[in-house]
N, C-alpha and C. Protein backbone atom coordinates (compact mmCIF):
# COMPACT_ATOMS: atom_id res chain seq x y z
N MET A 1 -15.50 201.71 -52.46
CA MET A 1 -16.78 201.17 -52.85
C MET A 1 -16.59 199.78 -53.42
N LYS A 2 -17.40 198.82 -52.98
CA LYS A 2 -17.27 197.44 -53.44
C LYS A 2 -17.99 197.26 -54.77
N VAL A 3 -17.48 196.35 -55.58
CA VAL A 3 -18.11 196.03 -56.85
C VAL A 3 -19.40 195.30 -56.54
N ALA A 4 -20.51 195.73 -57.11
CA ALA A 4 -21.83 195.18 -56.81
C ALA A 4 -21.83 193.68 -56.91
N GLY A 5 -22.13 193.03 -55.76
CA GLY A 5 -22.27 191.59 -55.72
C GLY A 5 -21.01 190.82 -56.07
N LYS A 6 -19.91 191.52 -56.16
CA LYS A 6 -18.64 190.88 -56.54
C LYS A 6 -18.75 190.14 -57.86
N ILE A 7 -19.65 190.59 -58.75
CA ILE A 7 -19.79 189.96 -60.07
C ILE A 7 -18.44 189.99 -60.77
N ALA A 8 -17.72 191.06 -60.57
CA ALA A 8 -16.41 191.17 -61.19
C ALA A 8 -15.31 190.93 -60.18
N ALA A 9 -15.52 189.97 -59.29
CA ALA A 9 -14.56 189.73 -58.21
C ALA A 9 -13.18 189.37 -58.71
N ILE A 10 -13.12 188.65 -59.76
CA ILE A 10 -11.80 188.41 -60.35
C ILE A 10 -11.58 189.55 -61.31
N SER A 11 -10.75 190.47 -60.92
CA SER A 11 -10.59 191.73 -61.66
C SER A 11 -9.97 191.53 -63.02
N ALA A 12 -10.20 192.52 -63.84
CA ALA A 12 -9.56 192.54 -65.16
C ALA A 12 -8.06 192.66 -64.97
N ILE A 13 -7.35 192.36 -65.98
CA ILE A 13 -5.89 192.45 -65.92
C ILE A 13 -5.51 193.89 -65.63
N SER A 14 -4.70 194.08 -64.59
CA SER A 14 -4.31 195.43 -64.24
C SER A 14 -3.02 195.83 -64.94
N ALA A 15 -2.27 194.86 -65.41
CA ALA A 15 -1.07 195.22 -66.16
C ALA A 15 -0.69 194.09 -67.08
N LEU A 16 -0.41 194.43 -68.33
CA LEU A 16 0.13 193.45 -69.29
C LEU A 16 1.39 194.06 -69.87
N ILE A 17 2.41 193.27 -69.96
CA ILE A 17 3.62 193.72 -70.62
C ILE A 17 3.83 192.81 -71.80
N LEU A 18 3.77 193.36 -72.98
CA LEU A 18 3.79 192.54 -74.18
C LEU A 18 5.05 192.78 -74.98
N ALA A 19 5.70 191.68 -75.34
CA ALA A 19 6.89 191.79 -76.17
C ALA A 19 6.49 191.93 -77.63
N GLY A 20 7.17 192.78 -78.31
CA GLY A 20 6.97 192.92 -79.74
C GLY A 20 5.66 193.57 -80.14
N CYS A 21 4.96 194.16 -79.22
CA CYS A 21 3.68 194.79 -79.54
C CYS A 21 3.84 196.28 -79.35
N GLY A 22 3.71 197.03 -80.39
CA GLY A 22 3.98 198.44 -80.30
C GLY A 22 2.77 199.31 -80.10
N LYS A 23 1.59 198.73 -79.86
CA LYS A 23 0.42 199.57 -79.70
C LYS A 23 -0.42 199.09 -78.53
N SER A 24 -1.15 200.00 -77.95
CA SER A 24 -2.01 199.67 -76.82
C SER A 24 -3.40 199.38 -77.32
N GLY A 25 -3.99 198.28 -76.82
CA GLY A 25 -5.33 197.92 -77.26
C GLY A 25 -6.33 197.93 -76.14
N ALA A 26 -5.92 198.27 -74.92
CA ALA A 26 -6.85 198.25 -73.80
C ALA A 26 -6.46 199.31 -72.79
N ASP A 27 -7.45 199.91 -72.16
CA ASP A 27 -7.19 200.95 -71.17
C ASP A 27 -6.45 200.42 -69.96
N THR A 28 -6.61 199.13 -69.63
CA THR A 28 -6.01 198.57 -68.43
C THR A 28 -4.70 197.86 -68.70
N ALA A 29 -4.11 198.07 -69.87
CA ALA A 29 -2.88 197.36 -70.21
C ALA A 29 -1.73 198.33 -70.40
N THR A 30 -0.55 197.88 -70.00
CA THR A 30 0.67 198.60 -70.26
C THR A 30 1.51 197.72 -71.18
N PHE A 31 1.99 198.25 -72.27
CA PHE A 31 2.68 197.45 -73.25
C PHE A 31 4.17 197.77 -73.26
N SER A 32 4.96 196.78 -73.58
CA SER A 32 6.40 196.92 -73.61
C SER A 32 6.96 196.12 -74.77
N THR A 33 8.16 196.42 -75.14
CA THR A 33 8.83 195.65 -76.18
C THR A 33 9.90 194.76 -75.56
N ALA A 34 9.72 194.34 -74.32
CA ALA A 34 10.69 193.48 -73.64
C ALA A 34 10.88 192.19 -74.44
N ALA A 35 12.13 191.74 -74.53
CA ALA A 35 12.43 190.53 -75.28
C ALA A 35 12.33 189.28 -74.41
N SER A 36 12.29 189.46 -73.09
CA SER A 36 12.18 188.30 -72.21
C SER A 36 11.21 188.60 -71.09
N ALA A 37 10.68 187.54 -70.50
CA ALA A 37 9.72 187.70 -69.42
C ALA A 37 10.41 188.28 -68.19
N PRO A 38 9.81 189.25 -67.52
CA PRO A 38 10.43 189.85 -66.35
C PRO A 38 10.49 188.87 -65.18
N SER A 39 11.50 189.00 -64.36
CA SER A 39 11.65 188.15 -63.18
C SER A 39 10.67 188.59 -62.09
N LEU A 40 10.13 187.62 -61.37
CA LEU A 40 9.25 187.90 -60.24
C LEU A 40 9.97 187.64 -58.92
N ALA A 41 11.27 187.42 -58.97
CA ALA A 41 12.06 187.09 -57.77
C ALA A 41 11.84 188.11 -56.67
N GLY A 42 11.58 187.61 -55.48
CA GLY A 42 11.43 188.46 -54.32
C GLY A 42 10.04 189.06 -54.13
N TRP A 43 9.12 188.77 -55.03
CA TRP A 43 7.77 189.32 -54.90
C TRP A 43 6.82 188.22 -54.45
N GLY A 44 5.93 188.55 -53.54
CA GLY A 44 4.85 187.65 -53.16
C GLY A 44 5.16 186.76 -51.97
N ASP A 45 4.10 186.06 -51.53
CA ASP A 45 4.20 185.13 -50.41
C ASP A 45 4.55 183.72 -50.86
N ALA A 46 4.29 183.40 -52.12
CA ALA A 46 4.57 182.07 -52.66
C ALA A 46 4.83 182.20 -54.15
N SER A 47 5.72 181.35 -54.67
CA SER A 47 5.98 181.38 -56.11
C SER A 47 6.30 179.98 -56.60
N ALA A 48 6.14 179.79 -57.90
CA ALA A 48 6.45 178.51 -58.54
C ALA A 48 6.84 178.77 -59.98
N ASP A 49 7.68 177.89 -60.52
CA ASP A 49 8.08 177.97 -61.92
C ASP A 49 6.98 177.44 -62.82
N LEU A 50 6.77 178.11 -63.94
CA LEU A 50 5.92 177.60 -65.01
C LEU A 50 6.77 176.70 -65.89
N LEU A 51 6.29 175.50 -66.15
CA LEU A 51 6.99 174.54 -67.00
C LEU A 51 6.23 174.35 -68.30
N ASN A 52 6.95 174.16 -69.40
CA ASN A 52 6.30 173.83 -70.66
C ASN A 52 6.14 172.32 -70.77
N ALA A 53 5.61 171.84 -71.87
CA ALA A 53 5.32 170.41 -72.04
C ALA A 53 6.58 169.55 -71.99
N GLN A 54 7.74 170.15 -72.27
CA GLN A 54 9.00 169.41 -72.21
C GLN A 54 9.64 169.43 -70.82
N GLY A 55 8.96 170.08 -69.87
CA GLY A 55 9.47 170.16 -68.51
C GLY A 55 10.49 171.26 -68.29
N GLU A 56 10.62 172.16 -69.25
CA GLU A 56 11.58 173.26 -69.15
C GLU A 56 10.90 174.48 -68.53
N LYS A 57 11.66 175.22 -67.72
CA LYS A 57 11.11 176.45 -67.14
C LYS A 57 10.86 177.46 -68.24
N THR A 58 9.63 177.99 -68.24
CA THR A 58 9.25 178.98 -69.25
C THR A 58 8.73 180.27 -68.62
N GLY A 59 8.66 180.29 -67.28
CA GLY A 59 8.18 181.49 -66.61
C GLY A 59 7.98 181.24 -65.13
N GLU A 60 7.25 182.17 -64.51
CA GLU A 60 7.01 182.11 -63.07
C GLU A 60 5.59 182.58 -62.75
N VAL A 61 5.08 182.14 -61.62
CA VAL A 61 3.85 182.67 -61.04
C VAL A 61 4.15 182.99 -59.59
N ALA A 62 3.73 184.15 -59.12
CA ALA A 62 3.90 184.53 -57.72
C ALA A 62 2.57 185.01 -57.17
N LEU A 63 2.29 184.66 -55.93
CA LEU A 63 1.03 185.00 -55.27
C LEU A 63 1.28 185.81 -54.02
N GLN A 64 0.44 186.78 -53.78
CA GLN A 64 0.50 187.61 -52.57
C GLN A 64 -0.88 187.59 -51.93
N ASP A 65 -0.95 187.22 -50.65
CA ASP A 65 -2.21 187.25 -49.94
C ASP A 65 -2.66 188.69 -49.78
N ALA A 66 -3.93 188.94 -49.98
CA ALA A 66 -4.52 190.26 -49.83
C ALA A 66 -5.56 190.21 -48.72
N PRO A 67 -6.03 191.35 -48.23
CA PRO A 67 -7.04 191.32 -47.18
C PRO A 67 -8.27 190.50 -47.55
N GLU A 68 -8.60 190.49 -48.83
CA GLU A 68 -9.72 189.68 -49.30
C GLU A 68 -9.37 189.10 -50.66
N GLY A 69 -8.68 187.97 -50.68
CA GLY A 69 -8.31 187.33 -51.92
C GLY A 69 -6.82 187.22 -52.12
N ILE A 70 -6.43 187.00 -53.38
CA ILE A 70 -5.01 186.89 -53.73
C ILE A 70 -4.70 187.77 -54.93
N LEU A 71 -3.52 188.35 -54.90
CA LEU A 71 -2.97 189.08 -56.03
C LEU A 71 -1.94 188.15 -56.67
N MET A 72 -2.00 188.01 -57.97
CA MET A 72 -1.15 187.06 -58.70
C MET A 72 -0.39 187.79 -59.79
N ARG A 73 0.92 187.48 -59.89
CA ARG A 73 1.72 187.96 -61.01
C ARG A 73 2.17 186.75 -61.83
N VAL A 74 2.13 186.91 -63.15
CA VAL A 74 2.52 185.87 -64.08
C VAL A 74 3.52 186.46 -65.06
N SER A 75 4.59 185.72 -65.32
CA SER A 75 5.60 186.12 -66.29
C SER A 75 5.98 184.88 -67.07
N ILE A 76 5.79 184.90 -68.40
CA ILE A 76 5.98 183.69 -69.20
C ILE A 76 6.51 184.03 -70.58
N SER A 77 7.31 183.13 -71.14
CA SER A 77 7.76 183.24 -72.52
C SER A 77 7.45 181.93 -73.24
N GLY A 78 7.62 181.93 -74.54
CA GLY A 78 7.41 180.71 -75.32
C GLY A 78 5.99 180.46 -75.74
N LEU A 79 5.11 181.44 -75.61
CA LEU A 79 3.71 181.28 -76.04
C LEU A 79 3.55 181.70 -77.49
N SER A 80 2.50 181.23 -78.13
CA SER A 80 2.15 181.74 -79.45
C SER A 80 1.56 183.14 -79.27
N GLU A 81 1.69 183.97 -80.29
CA GLU A 81 1.15 185.32 -80.19
C GLU A 81 -0.37 185.26 -80.05
N GLY A 82 -0.91 186.04 -79.12
CA GLY A 82 -2.35 186.11 -78.93
C GLY A 82 -2.76 185.90 -77.49
N TRP A 83 -4.06 185.76 -77.29
CA TRP A 83 -4.66 185.60 -75.96
C TRP A 83 -4.61 184.14 -75.51
N HIS A 84 -4.39 183.94 -74.21
CA HIS A 84 -4.29 182.60 -73.63
C HIS A 84 -5.10 182.55 -72.34
N GLY A 85 -5.94 181.52 -72.24
CA GLY A 85 -6.69 181.30 -71.01
C GLY A 85 -5.75 180.84 -69.90
N MET A 86 -6.15 181.14 -68.68
CA MET A 86 -5.36 180.74 -67.51
C MET A 86 -6.34 180.39 -66.39
N HIS A 87 -6.11 179.26 -65.74
CA HIS A 87 -7.01 178.79 -64.69
C HIS A 87 -6.23 178.20 -63.53
N LEU A 88 -6.88 178.11 -62.38
CA LEU A 88 -6.33 177.46 -61.20
C LEU A 88 -6.88 176.04 -61.13
N HIS A 89 -5.98 175.06 -61.03
CA HIS A 89 -6.38 173.65 -61.04
C HIS A 89 -6.19 173.01 -59.68
N GLN A 90 -6.93 171.93 -59.44
CA GLN A 90 -7.09 171.32 -58.12
C GLN A 90 -5.85 170.67 -57.53
N VAL A 91 -4.90 170.23 -58.34
CA VAL A 91 -3.78 169.44 -57.83
C VAL A 91 -2.45 170.09 -58.24
N GLY A 92 -1.54 170.20 -57.32
CA GLY A 92 -0.23 170.77 -57.57
C GLY A 92 0.72 169.76 -58.19
N ASP A 93 0.41 169.32 -59.41
CA ASP A 93 1.22 168.32 -60.10
C ASP A 93 1.34 168.70 -61.57
N CYS A 94 2.55 169.03 -61.98
CA CYS A 94 2.82 169.39 -63.38
C CYS A 94 3.81 168.41 -63.99
N SER A 95 3.86 167.20 -63.48
CA SER A 95 4.87 166.22 -63.88
C SER A 95 4.59 165.55 -65.22
N ASP A 96 3.42 165.73 -65.78
CA ASP A 96 3.04 165.02 -67.01
C ASP A 96 2.81 165.97 -68.19
N GLY A 97 3.74 166.88 -68.40
CA GLY A 97 3.60 167.85 -69.48
C GLY A 97 3.40 167.23 -70.84
N ALA A 98 4.11 166.14 -71.12
CA ALA A 98 3.98 165.48 -72.42
C ALA A 98 2.57 164.94 -72.64
N ASP A 99 1.84 164.70 -71.56
CA ASP A 99 0.46 164.22 -71.64
C ASP A 99 -0.56 165.33 -71.43
N GLY A 100 -0.11 166.59 -71.44
CA GLY A 100 -1.03 167.72 -71.35
C GLY A 100 -1.34 168.20 -69.95
N PHE A 101 -0.46 167.92 -68.99
CA PHE A 101 -0.64 168.40 -67.61
C PHE A 101 -1.97 167.96 -67.00
N LYS A 102 -2.42 166.79 -67.34
CA LYS A 102 -3.70 166.30 -66.82
C LYS A 102 -3.63 165.96 -65.33
N ALA A 103 -2.42 165.72 -64.81
CA ALA A 103 -2.28 165.40 -63.38
C ALA A 103 -2.71 166.56 -62.49
N SER A 104 -2.81 167.77 -63.08
CA SER A 104 -3.24 168.93 -62.29
C SER A 104 -4.74 168.92 -62.02
N GLY A 105 -5.46 167.97 -62.60
CA GLY A 105 -6.89 167.84 -62.34
C GLY A 105 -7.73 168.92 -62.99
N GLY A 106 -8.96 169.03 -62.51
CA GLY A 106 -9.89 170.03 -63.02
C GLY A 106 -9.74 171.36 -62.31
N HIS A 107 -10.64 172.26 -62.61
CA HIS A 107 -10.62 173.60 -62.01
C HIS A 107 -11.01 173.57 -60.54
N ILE A 108 -10.41 174.46 -59.77
CA ILE A 108 -10.84 174.67 -58.39
C ILE A 108 -12.23 175.29 -58.46
N ASN A 109 -13.20 174.63 -57.83
CA ASN A 109 -14.59 175.08 -57.94
C ASN A 109 -15.39 174.63 -56.71
N PRO A 110 -15.03 175.09 -55.52
CA PRO A 110 -15.73 174.62 -54.31
C PRO A 110 -17.22 174.97 -54.28
N GLU A 111 -17.63 176.00 -54.99
CA GLU A 111 -19.04 176.40 -55.00
C GLU A 111 -19.84 175.69 -56.08
N GLU A 112 -19.16 174.87 -56.90
CA GLU A 112 -19.78 174.11 -57.99
C GLU A 112 -20.54 175.02 -58.97
N ASN A 113 -19.91 176.14 -59.30
CA ASN A 113 -20.47 177.06 -60.29
C ASN A 113 -20.14 176.60 -61.69
N GLU A 114 -20.77 177.22 -62.68
CA GLU A 114 -20.40 176.99 -64.07
C GLU A 114 -19.17 177.82 -64.39
N HIS A 115 -18.46 177.42 -65.44
CA HIS A 115 -17.26 178.12 -65.86
C HIS A 115 -17.61 179.44 -66.54
N GLY A 116 -16.75 180.44 -66.34
CA GLY A 116 -16.80 181.64 -67.16
C GLY A 116 -17.06 182.93 -66.43
N LEU A 117 -16.15 183.88 -66.57
CA LEU A 117 -16.31 185.19 -65.95
C LEU A 117 -17.52 185.95 -66.50
N LEU A 118 -17.97 185.61 -67.71
CA LEU A 118 -19.13 186.26 -68.31
C LEU A 118 -20.40 185.44 -68.17
N ASN A 119 -20.30 184.30 -67.52
CA ASN A 119 -21.43 183.38 -67.40
C ASN A 119 -22.35 183.83 -66.26
N PRO A 120 -23.63 184.11 -66.54
CA PRO A 120 -24.55 184.52 -65.48
C PRO A 120 -24.78 183.43 -64.44
N SER A 121 -24.46 182.18 -64.78
CA SER A 121 -24.58 181.07 -63.82
C SER A 121 -23.23 180.71 -63.21
N GLY A 122 -22.24 181.48 -63.46
CA GLY A 122 -20.88 181.20 -62.98
C GLY A 122 -20.48 182.25 -61.99
N TYR A 123 -19.29 182.30 -61.69
CA TYR A 123 -18.10 181.76 -62.26
C TYR A 123 -17.37 180.91 -61.23
N GLU A 124 -16.42 180.09 -61.69
CA GLU A 124 -15.65 179.24 -60.78
C GLU A 124 -14.56 180.05 -60.09
N ALA A 125 -14.16 179.58 -58.92
CA ALA A 125 -13.04 180.22 -58.22
C ALA A 125 -11.77 180.16 -59.06
N ALA A 126 -11.66 179.19 -59.96
CA ALA A 126 -10.49 178.99 -60.81
C ALA A 126 -10.39 179.97 -61.96
N ASP A 127 -11.47 180.64 -62.31
CA ASP A 127 -11.52 181.45 -63.51
C ASP A 127 -10.70 182.73 -63.36
N LEU A 128 -9.91 183.03 -64.39
CA LEU A 128 -9.06 184.22 -64.42
C LEU A 128 -9.20 184.88 -65.78
N PRO A 129 -8.87 186.16 -65.89
CA PRO A 129 -8.83 186.81 -67.20
C PRO A 129 -7.74 186.18 -68.07
N ASN A 130 -7.87 186.35 -69.38
CA ASN A 130 -6.84 185.89 -70.31
C ASN A 130 -5.58 186.74 -70.17
N ILE A 131 -4.45 186.17 -70.62
CA ILE A 131 -3.22 186.95 -70.74
C ILE A 131 -2.87 187.03 -72.22
N TYR A 132 -2.11 188.03 -72.60
CA TYR A 132 -1.77 188.24 -74.01
C TYR A 132 -0.27 188.13 -74.21
N ALA A 133 0.14 187.33 -75.17
CA ALA A 133 1.55 187.22 -75.54
C ALA A 133 1.77 187.98 -76.84
N GLY A 134 2.81 188.79 -76.86
CA GLY A 134 3.16 189.53 -78.06
C GLY A 134 3.87 188.64 -79.07
N ALA A 135 4.40 189.26 -80.12
CA ALA A 135 5.01 188.52 -81.22
C ALA A 135 6.19 187.67 -80.76
N SER A 136 6.88 188.09 -79.71
CA SER A 136 8.03 187.31 -79.22
C SER A 136 7.61 186.19 -78.27
N GLY A 137 6.31 186.06 -77.99
CA GLY A 137 5.82 184.99 -77.12
C GLY A 137 5.89 185.29 -75.64
N VAL A 138 6.19 186.53 -75.28
CA VAL A 138 6.31 186.93 -73.87
C VAL A 138 5.03 187.59 -73.39
N ALA A 139 4.61 187.21 -72.19
CA ALA A 139 3.46 187.85 -71.55
C ALA A 139 3.74 188.01 -70.07
N ALA A 140 3.24 189.07 -69.49
CA ALA A 140 3.31 189.29 -68.05
C ALA A 140 2.01 189.97 -67.64
N ALA A 141 1.49 189.58 -66.50
CA ALA A 141 0.22 190.15 -66.05
C ALA A 141 0.15 190.13 -64.53
N GLU A 142 -0.68 190.99 -64.00
CA GLU A 142 -1.03 190.99 -62.59
C GLU A 142 -2.55 190.90 -62.51
N LEU A 143 -3.05 189.93 -61.74
CA LEU A 143 -4.48 189.65 -61.65
C LEU A 143 -4.90 189.54 -60.20
N PHE A 144 -6.19 189.74 -59.94
CA PHE A 144 -6.72 189.66 -58.58
C PHE A 144 -7.91 188.71 -58.55
N ASN A 145 -7.98 187.90 -57.49
CA ASN A 145 -9.05 186.91 -57.33
C ASN A 145 -9.53 186.98 -55.88
N THR A 146 -10.80 187.32 -55.67
CA THR A 146 -11.33 187.44 -54.31
C THR A 146 -11.98 186.16 -53.80
N LYS A 147 -12.07 185.14 -54.63
CA LYS A 147 -12.72 183.89 -54.20
C LYS A 147 -11.78 182.96 -53.45
N LEU A 148 -10.48 183.21 -53.53
CA LEU A 148 -9.51 182.30 -52.91
C LEU A 148 -8.56 183.08 -52.01
N SER A 149 -7.90 182.36 -51.11
CA SER A 149 -7.00 183.00 -50.15
C SER A 149 -5.85 182.07 -49.82
N LEU A 150 -4.73 182.65 -49.45
CA LEU A 150 -3.59 181.87 -48.98
C LEU A 150 -3.63 181.67 -47.47
N SER A 151 -4.62 182.24 -46.81
CA SER A 151 -4.63 182.18 -45.35
C SER A 151 -5.92 181.65 -44.73
N ASP A 152 -6.87 181.22 -45.55
CA ASP A 152 -8.15 180.79 -44.97
C ASP A 152 -8.33 179.28 -44.84
N GLY A 153 -7.28 178.52 -45.16
CA GLY A 153 -7.39 177.07 -45.07
C GLY A 153 -8.19 176.44 -46.19
N GLY A 154 -8.48 177.18 -47.24
CA GLY A 154 -9.29 176.69 -48.35
C GLY A 154 -8.51 175.84 -49.34
N PRO A 155 -9.02 175.74 -50.59
CA PRO A 155 -8.45 174.81 -51.56
C PRO A 155 -7.01 175.10 -51.98
N LEU A 156 -6.50 176.29 -51.75
CA LEU A 156 -5.10 176.57 -52.08
C LEU A 156 -4.15 175.98 -51.05
N LEU A 157 -4.68 175.63 -49.89
CA LEU A 157 -3.83 175.14 -48.80
C LEU A 157 -4.08 173.67 -48.47
N ASP A 158 -4.81 172.95 -49.33
CA ASP A 158 -5.07 171.54 -49.03
C ASP A 158 -3.82 170.69 -49.31
N ALA A 159 -3.88 169.44 -48.91
CA ALA A 159 -2.70 168.57 -48.92
C ALA A 159 -2.14 168.30 -50.32
N ASP A 160 -2.98 168.33 -51.36
CA ASP A 160 -2.46 168.02 -52.70
C ASP A 160 -2.09 169.26 -53.51
N GLY A 161 -2.11 170.43 -52.89
CA GLY A 161 -1.68 171.65 -53.56
C GLY A 161 -2.63 172.09 -54.66
N PHE A 162 -2.12 172.91 -55.57
CA PHE A 162 -2.89 173.40 -56.71
C PHE A 162 -1.92 173.78 -57.81
N ALA A 163 -2.45 174.03 -58.99
CA ALA A 163 -1.60 174.43 -60.12
C ALA A 163 -2.22 175.62 -60.85
N VAL A 164 -1.36 176.44 -61.42
CA VAL A 164 -1.77 177.49 -62.34
C VAL A 164 -1.45 176.97 -63.74
N VAL A 165 -2.47 176.90 -64.59
CA VAL A 165 -2.30 176.33 -65.93
C VAL A 165 -2.60 177.39 -66.98
N VAL A 166 -1.71 177.49 -67.97
CA VAL A 166 -1.89 178.39 -69.11
C VAL A 166 -2.30 177.53 -70.30
N HIS A 167 -3.30 177.99 -71.05
CA HIS A 167 -3.84 177.24 -72.18
C HIS A 167 -3.36 177.81 -73.52
N GLU A 168 -3.54 177.02 -74.58
CA GLU A 168 -3.06 177.41 -75.91
C GLU A 168 -3.91 178.49 -76.57
N ASN A 169 -5.17 178.62 -76.18
CA ASN A 169 -6.08 179.58 -76.80
C ASN A 169 -6.72 180.47 -75.74
N ALA A 170 -7.46 181.46 -76.20
CA ALA A 170 -8.20 182.35 -75.30
C ALA A 170 -9.37 181.61 -74.67
N ASP A 171 -9.73 182.00 -73.48
CA ASP A 171 -10.94 181.55 -72.80
C ASP A 171 -12.04 182.52 -73.20
N ASP A 172 -13.16 181.99 -73.72
CA ASP A 172 -14.28 182.88 -74.10
C ASP A 172 -15.16 183.24 -72.90
N HIS A 173 -14.85 182.70 -71.75
CA HIS A 173 -15.53 183.00 -70.48
C HIS A 173 -16.99 182.58 -70.44
N MET A 174 -17.39 181.67 -71.33
CA MET A 174 -18.77 181.18 -71.35
C MET A 174 -18.87 179.68 -71.60
N THR A 175 -18.15 179.18 -72.61
CA THR A 175 -18.27 177.79 -73.03
C THR A 175 -17.81 176.84 -71.92
N GLN A 176 -18.59 175.77 -71.73
CA GLN A 176 -18.26 174.77 -70.72
C GLN A 176 -17.39 173.67 -71.34
N PRO A 177 -16.43 173.13 -70.64
CA PRO A 177 -16.07 173.42 -69.25
C PRO A 177 -14.90 174.39 -69.09
N ILE A 178 -14.19 174.75 -70.20
CA ILE A 178 -12.99 175.58 -70.04
C ILE A 178 -12.96 176.79 -70.97
N GLY A 179 -14.10 177.20 -71.48
CA GLY A 179 -14.15 178.38 -72.32
C GLY A 179 -13.50 178.22 -73.68
N GLY A 180 -13.35 176.98 -74.15
CA GLY A 180 -12.74 176.76 -75.46
C GLY A 180 -11.25 177.09 -75.49
N ALA A 181 -10.60 177.06 -74.33
CA ALA A 181 -9.21 177.50 -74.23
C ALA A 181 -8.20 176.51 -74.80
N GLY A 182 -8.64 175.31 -75.12
CA GLY A 182 -7.73 174.34 -75.75
C GLY A 182 -6.77 173.70 -74.77
N GLY A 183 -5.70 173.14 -75.33
CA GLY A 183 -4.74 172.36 -74.56
C GLY A 183 -4.00 173.18 -73.51
N ARG A 184 -3.42 172.46 -72.56
CA ARG A 184 -2.64 173.06 -71.49
C ARG A 184 -1.18 173.14 -71.96
N VAL A 185 -0.62 174.35 -72.04
CA VAL A 185 0.72 174.52 -72.58
C VAL A 185 1.77 174.87 -71.54
N ALA A 186 1.35 175.27 -70.35
CA ALA A 186 2.31 175.57 -69.28
C ALA A 186 1.61 175.35 -67.94
N CYS A 187 2.41 174.99 -66.93
CA CYS A 187 1.84 174.63 -65.64
C CYS A 187 2.82 174.99 -64.52
N ALA A 188 2.31 175.56 -63.44
CA ALA A 188 3.10 175.86 -62.24
C ALA A 188 2.46 175.16 -61.06
N ALA A 189 3.20 174.29 -60.39
CA ALA A 189 2.68 173.52 -59.26
C ALA A 189 3.01 174.19 -57.94
N PHE A 190 2.01 174.34 -57.08
CA PHE A 190 2.17 174.90 -55.74
C PHE A 190 1.82 173.84 -54.71
N SER A 191 2.58 173.80 -53.64
CA SER A 191 2.29 172.92 -52.51
C SER A 191 2.47 173.75 -51.24
N LEU A 192 1.39 174.36 -50.78
CA LEU A 192 1.44 175.27 -49.64
C LEU A 192 0.81 174.69 -48.39
N GLY A 193 0.07 173.59 -48.55
CA GLY A 193 -0.64 172.99 -47.43
C GLY A 193 0.19 172.00 -46.66
N GLU A 194 -0.48 171.33 -45.73
CA GLU A 194 0.21 170.34 -44.89
C GLU A 194 0.12 168.96 -45.47
């Protein structure tokens, strides 16, 4: 059965692995006391390293094409404890971490919707659920997005690529333009197009 009108097309987090967190706070989360972010090696159709502002690898993002959309896995360390917004950005360029990863451009938004998974006038193709980092700064998640594809020739396959950006704060899924998520703290650049 399909979700009515695909209002919830970008699914809730299906798995979270949290370091240093000994209790479960959500029905859709699995918690762990892992001290380091799990490897995503060998999973997915495409992957890229997440870089911090100093240009150091801090995690990975891997994408798998699905019959309708993309399945994404994220594994990251070095975050502050708490919820962090995550979005898909227009340009696959993470070379300016010291300047806040601004080279990655704005959100992917071909339909020109408003930002926010909870916004009745939204949501953008770039919008994703938040991820949670435990006390050790490690977070891992698996997310689904039906607005984008690795095989339809859309914005993920254009000539300038795209980026997955992790923010310093939670996305409230309503406030324009980025849900109050704050600065960009990690970035993964993808170049899958021609």
